[in-house]
Structures are given as C-alpha cells and as structure tokens.
Amino acid sequence: MLLSVIIPAYNCEETIIRAIRSTGVYLSNQIEVIVVNNGSSDKTGTLVKKEVRNNRNIIYIESEKGVSNARNKGIEAATAKWITFLDADDYLLDLNNELKSLLIKTEEELVVGNYLVSGSTINLYSMTRDKDSRISVINQMLENPTKYMTVWGKFYKTSLLKKENIRFNNNLAYSEDSEFLLRYVLLCKQVRFIRDNIYNYTLSSNSTVRRYNPQMIHEYEKAIFQVKKDLDEYPEYEHAFKLFTLMQFNLIMVHNVFIKNDKGSIIKLKELCQKNYINNALRIVSLKDVITPRLLPLVFCKYHFYICAAIIYKLRVNQNSKKTK
C-alpha cells in the first residue's frame, strides 16, 4: 500500500463523501482511506459505512471527540508507506502518476505540495527560498505558519511517525497541527517541495478558529509555550520562533480579541502586549517591517500605537467575515 489518507469526521454529512472520493481510492488499490468518526451526531457514520461496503480500502473507525484523537487513531490504523491528512470539508486534487512515482522512490521524509484556497494557489514551492536546507525550511515554516504549518497538503513517512511515536498533542486545542508538524520536521533529514496543487482548502465559518471562544487566548498560549519547549535544544530557530509567536498573536487578535468589537478590545490588546513572551517577541520587529502587511500592526504595537493596530485588526476581521459568507 502506497498511501493512507486519514480523514477526521465530525458532523460532516454534506461533504464527507466528496472528501473520500477525492482521494482516488476507487481508482487505485494502492490507496486506503481511514475515516475516523469522532462523535458525530448526524448521518456521517451511516454514509461512511455505506462507502465501506463498496470498497475494502475504505476503513471506518471511531475515536473520542477531538481532531487530535481522530488523527492519532488514524495513524495507528495506517498500513501504507505514506500518510496524508484530509479534513472532511476539503478535498484532494489529482494524485497523478508522476506524484505516485515520486512517493514510491523518494528518500525524503516529508513531501510538501501547493494548495488552493478559494481558487487561488498558495505556491509554497515558489515561496521557499532554500529548499535543500532543512534549517532554512524550518525557519521559513516558523516565520509563516499560516501558510506552511498546516498538517494537510503534505505526505509523511508512516515508518518515521510510528518509530518516533509522533502523535498529535491532545492537550492543545489550537495550533496542534503546527506543533505536530514541527516535531516531525525536526526529525527529517530532508524535505521535498513539489509544484503540484494537491489540496483544496475550503474556507468555512464553522472552522474552530473562526468561532469566538473565551478560552482561545489561553489555548494559543499553551501552543506557543509547547512549541518553545520543542525548540529548546535548537537555538538556530530562536529568531524564527519569535516570529511564530507574533503570527499566533495576530491570530488571537483577529479570531478573539477584535471579534467582539467592543471598547475592551484595545485594553486586551495592551494587556497582551505587556506580557513577557509577547513583549520579547515584539523587539525583533522594526519600522522597516511596515512594508510587510502581516507585520504592520505588530510594529504599531511595539511603538504603542495601539489604536492604529486596532484599526488593522478590525479590518482583517471584516475581511475574514466576507470570505466565509
């Protein structure tokens, strides 16, 4: 078996069949699809079981609630040479013969493809500066986690995952995929980037990070501190980790603090900027960074122009709202 596709499935009756069939499991006996139902209350389980009856390479299992539980169950059940992860509301693009041939013969432990969002290509192949340097690749991943550090759109060696017992951290509610990928790539000798678009990401208002959660700040902080712990033995990534922290801070602002759009938002912004881990990270940004849109509000935060930063975060909240309508 060449490829195990792991699909966590929670109340996804409208999209799960599309996700399964996008894998090519009906066209190749070298692909197995492992659907992990983690507590669905709709018809998801019934629909998947029907597909199982039609194809022995579609496997249905169940796990406790939580996407990390589901993905970990999938890893344990996987039997193929490679693993890839697919969210139930997304779908894979054509796994062509050239890509399959690459997976058969490549020596790299991680293969990273391009992906589509709302019809636009996120071209990681072109974005990545030095593809042959593992240190450079990891630095760039940490510096731009929203584009690079998704768990999907990548192929992982099953043998490495199982040998090193790499699993998703059940204690993390946010950025668990980034933290998982980081631990995995730190063990890789080399990473392969390919030009193919292999994944279609669907923007959804039901996404966990797009729903207001009063515990979100605390949960993001847990992820940041865990990533810091993962990198304790790797001083070469210190600067990139600070940028990772600031990118998580941006997410907190857009998906939590400024969602409510009340007078307390700027107060919360100031409070967070005064925390040691944020304040320390803000030191690396400077006025020259204002030409980079993602760093602009952070520069304002560094120099205490909080109202300017707040305006940008409010604009980003509105932009996200329009994208998911």
Protein backbone atom coordinates (compact mmCIF):
# COMPACT_ATOMS: atom_id res chain seq x y z
CA MET A 1 0.00 0.00 0.00
CA LEU A 2 1.39 3.39 -1.01
CA LEU A 3 -0.80 5.97 0.73
CA SER A 4 -3.06 6.14 3.79
CA VAL A 5 -5.44 9.12 3.77
CA ILE A 6 -6.66 9.97 7.27
CA ILE A 7 -9.95 11.89 7.48
CA PRO A 8 -11.26 13.06 10.89
CA ALA A 9 -15.05 13.17 10.55
CA TYR A 10 -17.32 15.17 12.82
CA ASN A 11 -20.85 16.11 11.70
CA CYS A 12 -19.79 16.38 8.07
CA GLU A 13 -22.59 14.56 6.27
CA GLU A 14 -22.68 17.16 3.49
CA THR A 15 -19.01 16.85 2.49
CA ILE A 16 -17.60 13.52 3.68
CA ILE A 17 -18.41 11.54 0.51
CA ARG A 18 -16.76 14.20 -1.67
CA ALA A 19 -13.67 14.03 0.55
CA ILE A 20 -13.47 10.23 0.36
CA ARG A 21 -13.92 10.07 -3.40
CA SER A 22 -11.36 12.84 -3.99
CA THR A 23 -8.62 10.53 -2.71
CA GLY A 24 -8.79 8.25 -5.76
CA VAL A 25 -9.49 5.21 -3.60
CA TYR A 26 -11.91 3.91 -6.24
CA LEU A 27 -9.26 4.23 -8.95
CA SER A 28 -6.21 2.70 -7.22
CA ASN A 29 -5.67 -0.28 -4.96
CA GLN A 30 -2.58 1.47 -3.57
CA ILE A 31 -4.66 3.97 -1.58
CA GLU A 32 -6.51 3.35 1.66
CA VAL A 33 -8.84 5.88 3.27
CA ILE A 34 -9.21 5.83 7.04
CA VAL A 35 -12.27 7.77 8.18
CA VAL A 36 -12.30 8.41 11.92
CA ASN A 37 -15.70 9.36 13.27
CA ASN A 38 -15.13 11.34 16.44
CA GLY A 39 -18.55 11.78 17.95
CA SER A 40 -20.79 12.79 15.04
CA SER A 41 -24.49 13.16 15.79
CA ASP A 42 -25.64 13.45 12.16
CA LYS A 43 -25.57 10.88 9.33
CA THR A 44 -21.80 10.94 8.87
CA GLY A 45 -21.26 7.44 10.26
CA THR A 46 -24.08 5.92 8.20
CA LEU A 47 -22.79 7.46 4.96
CA VAL A 48 -19.22 6.30 5.55
CA LYS A 49 -20.30 2.75 6.41
CA LYS A 50 -22.13 2.59 3.09
CA GLU A 51 -18.91 3.54 1.28
CA VAL A 52 -17.04 0.89 3.27
CA ARG A 53 -19.35 -1.79 1.85
CA ASN A 54 -18.39 -0.67 -1.65
CA ASN A 55 -14.62 -0.63 -1.18
CA ARG A 56 -12.46 -2.70 1.14
CA ASN A 57 -9.80 0.02 1.17
CA ILE A 58 -12.14 2.43 2.94
CA ILE A 59 -11.84 1.88 6.67
CA TYR A 60 -14.25 3.20 9.28
CA ILE A 61 -13.17 3.60 12.90
CA GLU A 62 -14.27 5.72 15.83
CA SER A 63 -12.48 7.82 18.40
CA GLU A 64 -13.23 10.13 21.29
CA LYS A 65 -14.17 13.69 20.36
CA GLY A 66 -11.40 15.97 19.20
CA VAL A 67 -9.49 16.18 15.93
CA SER A 68 -6.22 15.14 17.60
CA ASN A 69 -7.82 11.96 18.94
CA ALA A 70 -9.15 11.18 15.48
CA ARG A 71 -5.86 11.77 13.69
CA ASN A 72 -3.95 9.72 16.26
CA LYS A 73 -6.36 6.81 15.78
CA GLY A 74 -5.80 7.12 12.06
CA ILE A 75 -2.03 6.98 12.42
CA GLU A 76 -2.32 3.82 14.49
CA ALA A 77 -4.52 2.18 11.84
CA ALA A 78 -2.45 3.24 8.82
CA THR A 79 -0.66 0.49 6.90
CA ALA A 80 0.70 2.35 3.84
CA LYS A 81 4.18 3.73 3.20
CA TRP A 82 2.95 7.32 3.39
CA ILE A 83 0.28 9.17 5.37
CA THR A 84 -1.56 12.31 4.37
CA PHE A 85 -4.29 14.13 6.30
CA LEU A 86 -7.54 15.38 4.79
CA ASP A 87 -10.19 17.46 6.55
CA ALA A 88 -13.73 16.33 5.80
CA ASP A 89 -14.86 19.66 4.32
CA ASP A 90 -11.85 19.83 1.98
CA TYR A 91 -10.78 17.58 -0.87
CA LEU A 92 -7.66 16.28 -2.55
CA LEU A 93 -6.76 17.27 -6.05
CA ASP A 94 -5.48 14.81 -8.64
CA LEU A 95 -2.89 12.41 -7.22
CA ASN A 96 -1.32 11.85 -10.64
CA ASN A 97 1.01 9.06 -11.70
CA GLU A 98 4.05 11.33 -11.51
CA LEU A 99 3.30 12.11 -7.85
CA LYS A 100 2.69 8.44 -7.06
CA SER A 101 6.00 7.56 -8.71
CA LEU A 102 7.72 10.20 -6.57
CA LEU A 103 6.24 8.72 -3.39
CA ILE A 104 7.46 5.28 -4.39
CA LYS A 105 11.10 6.24 -4.91
CA THR A 106 11.84 9.45 -2.95
CA GLU A 107 14.18 9.29 0.05
CA GLU A 108 12.85 12.45 1.73
CA GLU A 109 10.73 12.00 4.84
CA LEU A 110 8.34 14.88 4.09
CA VAL A 111 6.82 15.87 0.75
CA VAL A 112 5.09 19.27 0.63
CA GLY A 113 2.72 20.36 -2.14
CA ASN A 114 0.98 23.55 -3.16
CA TYR A 115 -2.70 24.03 -2.37
CA LEU A 116 -5.74 26.04 -3.38
CA VAL A 117 -7.77 28.48 -1.26
CA SER A 118 -10.84 30.00 -2.92
CA GLY A 119 -9.40 29.17 -6.33
CA SER A 120 -6.04 30.82 -5.66
CA THR A 121 -2.82 28.81 -5.46
CA ILE A 122 -0.67 29.03 -2.35
CA ASN A 123 2.60 28.29 -4.09
CA LEU A 124 4.88 27.00 -1.35
CA TYR A 125 7.27 25.69 -3.99
CA SER A 126 7.98 29.20 -5.29
CA MET A 127 7.85 30.82 -1.85
CA THR A 128 10.50 28.57 -0.30
CA ARG A 129 13.92 30.17 -0.57
CA ASP A 130 16.38 27.33 0.01
CA LYS A 131 14.62 24.01 -0.43
CA ASP A 132 17.77 21.96 0.12
CA SER A 133 18.50 23.40 3.57
CA ARG A 134 16.45 21.83 6.35
CA ILE A 135 17.32 24.68 8.72
CA SER A 136 16.18 27.27 6.19
CA VAL A 137 12.95 25.36 5.54
CA ILE A 138 12.10 25.10 9.25
CA ASN A 139 12.89 28.78 9.78
CA GLN A 140 10.56 29.74 6.96
CA MET A 141 7.82 27.46 8.28
CA LEU A 142 8.00 29.10 11.70
CA GLU A 143 8.07 32.59 10.20
CA ASN A 144 4.95 31.96 8.13
CA PRO A 145 2.92 29.31 9.98
CA THR A 146 -0.49 30.10 8.48
CA LYS A 147 0.78 29.10 5.03
CA TYR A 148 3.34 26.41 5.86
CA MET A 149 2.34 24.80 9.13
CA THR A 150 -0.89 23.13 8.17
CA VAL A 151 -0.88 19.38 8.72
CA TRP A 152 -2.67 18.76 5.42
CA GLY A 153 -1.18 19.16 1.95
CA LYS A 154 1.80 17.06 2.95
CA PHE A 155 2.94 13.43 2.88
CA TYR A 156 4.56 11.86 5.96
CA LYS A 157 6.57 8.65 6.20
CA THR A 158 4.47 6.24 8.23
CA SER A 159 7.57 4.43 9.47
CA LEU A 160 9.02 7.63 10.98
CA LEU A 161 5.75 8.59 12.66
CA LYS A 162 5.47 5.15 14.25
CA LYS A 163 9.15 4.65 15.09
CA GLU A 164 9.39 8.01 16.89
CA ASN A 165 5.83 7.75 18.27
CA ILE A 166 4.91 11.16 16.88
CA ARG A 167 1.28 11.91 17.70
CA PHE A 168 -0.92 14.97 17.98
CA ASN A 169 -0.89 16.64 21.39
CA ASN A 170 -4.35 16.13 22.92
CA ASN A 171 -3.71 18.98 25.35
CA LEU A 172 -3.71 21.56 22.54
CA ALA A 173 -6.97 22.95 21.20
CA TYR A 174 -5.32 25.36 18.73
CA SER A 175 -2.20 25.10 16.55
CA GLU A 176 -1.98 21.38 17.33
CA ASP A 177 -1.24 20.77 13.65
CA SER A 178 1.65 23.28 13.66
CA GLU A 179 3.14 21.71 16.76
CA PHE A 180 2.81 18.19 15.31
CA LEU A 181 4.41 19.21 12.01
CA LEU A 182 7.28 20.93 13.81
CA ARG A 183 8.15 17.85 15.86
CA TYR A 184 8.02 15.76 12.72
CA VAL A 185 10.12 18.02 10.51
CA LEU A 186 12.79 18.37 13.22
CA LEU A 187 13.40 14.64 12.72
CA CYS A 188 13.52 14.83 8.93
CA LYS A 189 16.86 14.79 7.15
CA GLN A 190 15.42 16.43 4.05
CA VAL A 191 12.15 17.91 2.83
CA ARG A 192 10.89 17.73 -0.77
CA PHE A 193 8.73 20.52 -2.23
CA ILE A 194 6.71 19.79 -5.35
CA ARG A 195 4.99 22.06 -7.87
CA ASP A 196 1.67 20.19 -7.85
CA ASN A 197 -1.52 21.60 -6.33
CA ILE A 198 -2.52 18.64 -4.19
CA TYR A 199 -5.13 20.05 -1.79
CA ASN A 200 -8.20 22.27 -1.88
CA TYR A 201 -8.86 24.12 1.37
CA THR A 202 -12.44 25.25 1.94
CA LEU A 203 -12.99 28.46 3.89
CA SER A 204 -15.72 27.80 6.42
CA SER A 205 -17.42 29.93 9.03
CA ASN A 206 -17.75 26.73 11.10
CA SER A 207 -13.99 26.39 11.48
CA THR A 208 -12.85 26.16 15.10
CA VAL A 209 -10.54 29.18 14.76
CA ARG A 210 -13.34 31.28 13.24
CA ARG A 211 -15.72 30.83 16.17
CA TYR A 212 -15.37 33.00 19.25
CA ASN A 213 -14.03 31.07 22.20
CA PRO A 214 -13.35 32.84 25.52
CA GLN A 215 -10.57 30.32 26.19
CA MET A 216 -8.83 30.94 22.87
CA ILE A 217 -6.07 33.20 24.22
CA HIS A 218 -5.15 30.69 26.91
CA GLU A 219 -5.19 27.84 24.39
CA TYR A 220 -3.00 29.68 21.90
CA GLU A 221 -0.56 30.48 24.69
CA LYS A 222 -0.36 26.78 25.54
CA ALA A 223 0.58 26.05 21.94
CA ILE A 224 3.20 28.80 21.85
CA PHE A 225 4.83 27.55 25.04
CA GLN A 226 4.78 23.96 23.77
CA VAL A 227 6.49 24.98 20.53
CA LYS A 228 9.08 26.87 22.58
CA LYS A 229 9.69 23.69 24.57
CA ASP A 230 10.03 21.68 21.34
CA LEU A 231 12.72 24.11 20.18
CA ASP A 232 14.67 24.36 23.44
CA GLU A 233 17.55 22.32 22.00
CA TYR A 234 17.63 24.24 18.72
CA PRO A 235 18.99 27.80 19.23
CA GLU A 236 19.21 28.26 15.44
CA TYR A 237 15.44 28.75 15.39
CA GLU A 238 15.21 31.39 18.14
CA HIS A 239 14.51 34.33 15.82
CA ALA A 240 12.00 32.34 13.75
CA PHE A 241 10.22 31.24 16.93
CA LYS A 242 9.68 34.87 17.91
CA LEU A 243 8.05 35.49 14.54
CA PHE A 244 5.95 32.37 15.06
CA THR A 245 4.82 33.85 18.38
CA LEU A 246 3.86 37.12 16.71
CA MET A 247 1.91 35.32 13.99
CA GLN A 248 -0.04 33.49 16.72
CA PHE A 249 -0.61 36.86 18.38
CA ASN A 250 -2.09 38.12 15.10
CA LEU A 251 -4.47 35.16 15.06
CA ILE A 252 -5.53 35.86 18.65
CA MET A 253 -6.32 39.45 17.72
CA VAL A 254 -8.35 38.56 14.62
CA HIS A 255 -10.15 35.47 15.91
CA ASN A 256 -10.74 36.51 19.51
CA VAL A 257 -9.97 40.00 20.75
CA PHE A 258 -11.50 42.05 17.91
CA ILE A 259 -14.32 39.68 17.02
CA LYS A 260 -16.49 41.28 19.72
CA ASN A 261 -15.67 44.81 18.53
CA ASP A 262 -16.21 46.46 21.92
CA LYS A 263 -14.29 49.01 23.97
CA GLY A 264 -12.47 46.28 25.86
CA SER A 265 -10.63 45.10 22.74
CA ILE A 266 -7.91 47.75 22.86
CA ILE A 267 -7.49 47.21 26.60
CA LYS A 268 -6.99 43.49 25.99
CA LEU A 269 -4.54 44.29 23.18
CA LYS A 270 -2.46 46.43 25.53
CA GLU A 271 -2.54 43.79 28.28
CA LEU A 272 -1.28 41.07 25.95
CA CYS A 273 1.49 43.28 24.55
CA GLN A 274 2.78 43.76 28.08
CA LYS A 275 3.16 40.02 28.67
CA ASN A 276 6.80 38.97 28.67
CA TYR A 277 6.58 36.44 25.85
CA ILE A 278 4.87 38.94 23.52
CA ASN A 279 6.98 41.90 24.58
CA ASN A 280 10.14 39.88 23.99
CA ALA A 281 8.99 38.86 20.53
CA LEU A 282 7.98 42.42 19.58
CA ARG A 283 11.60 43.52 19.97
CA ILE A 284 12.55 41.87 16.69
CA VAL A 285 10.18 43.98 14.55
CA SER A 286 11.19 47.46 13.44
CA LEU A 287 9.99 50.37 11.32
CA LYS A 288 11.46 48.79 8.17
CA ASP A 289 8.98 45.96 8.61
CA VAL A 290 5.95 48.16 7.96
CA ILE A 291 6.22 47.29 4.26
CA THR A 292 5.12 43.76 5.18
CA PRO A 293 1.33 43.83 5.77
CA ARG A 294 1.30 41.00 8.31
CA LEU A 295 3.90 42.82 10.46
CA LEU A 296 2.39 46.30 10.23
CA PRO A 297 0.06 46.00 13.27
CA LEU A 298 2.89 44.42 15.24
CA VAL A 299 5.15 47.40 14.58
CA PHE A 300 2.34 49.66 15.82
CA CYS A 301 2.08 47.50 18.95
CA LYS A 302 5.81 47.73 19.55
CA TYR A 303 5.71 51.53 19.49
CA HIS A 304 2.45 51.65 21.48
CA PHE A 305 0.28 52.97 18.62
CA TYR A 306 -2.48 50.66 19.77
CA ILE A 307 -5.34 52.46 18.04
CA CYS A 308 -3.58 52.08 14.67
CA ALA A 309 -3.03 48.37 15.32
CA ALA A 310 -6.67 48.00 16.38
CA ILE A 311 -7.91 49.53 13.11
CA ILE A 312 -5.93 46.99 11.09
CA TYR A 313 -7.16 44.06 13.16
CA LYS A 314 -10.77 45.23 12.81
CA LEU A 315 -10.31 45.45 9.03
CA ARG A 316 -8.96 41.89 8.99
CA VAL A 317 -11.92 40.64 10.99
CA ASN A 318 -14.26 42.20 8.41
CA GLN A 319 -12.26 40.71 5.53
CA ASN A 320 -12.46 37.23 7.04
CA SER A 321 -16.19 37.61 7.57
CA LYS A 322 -16.71 38.45 3.89
CA LYS A 323 -14.61 35.48 2.74
CA THR A 324 -16.73 32.94 4.63
CA LYS A 325 -20.18 34.26 3.66
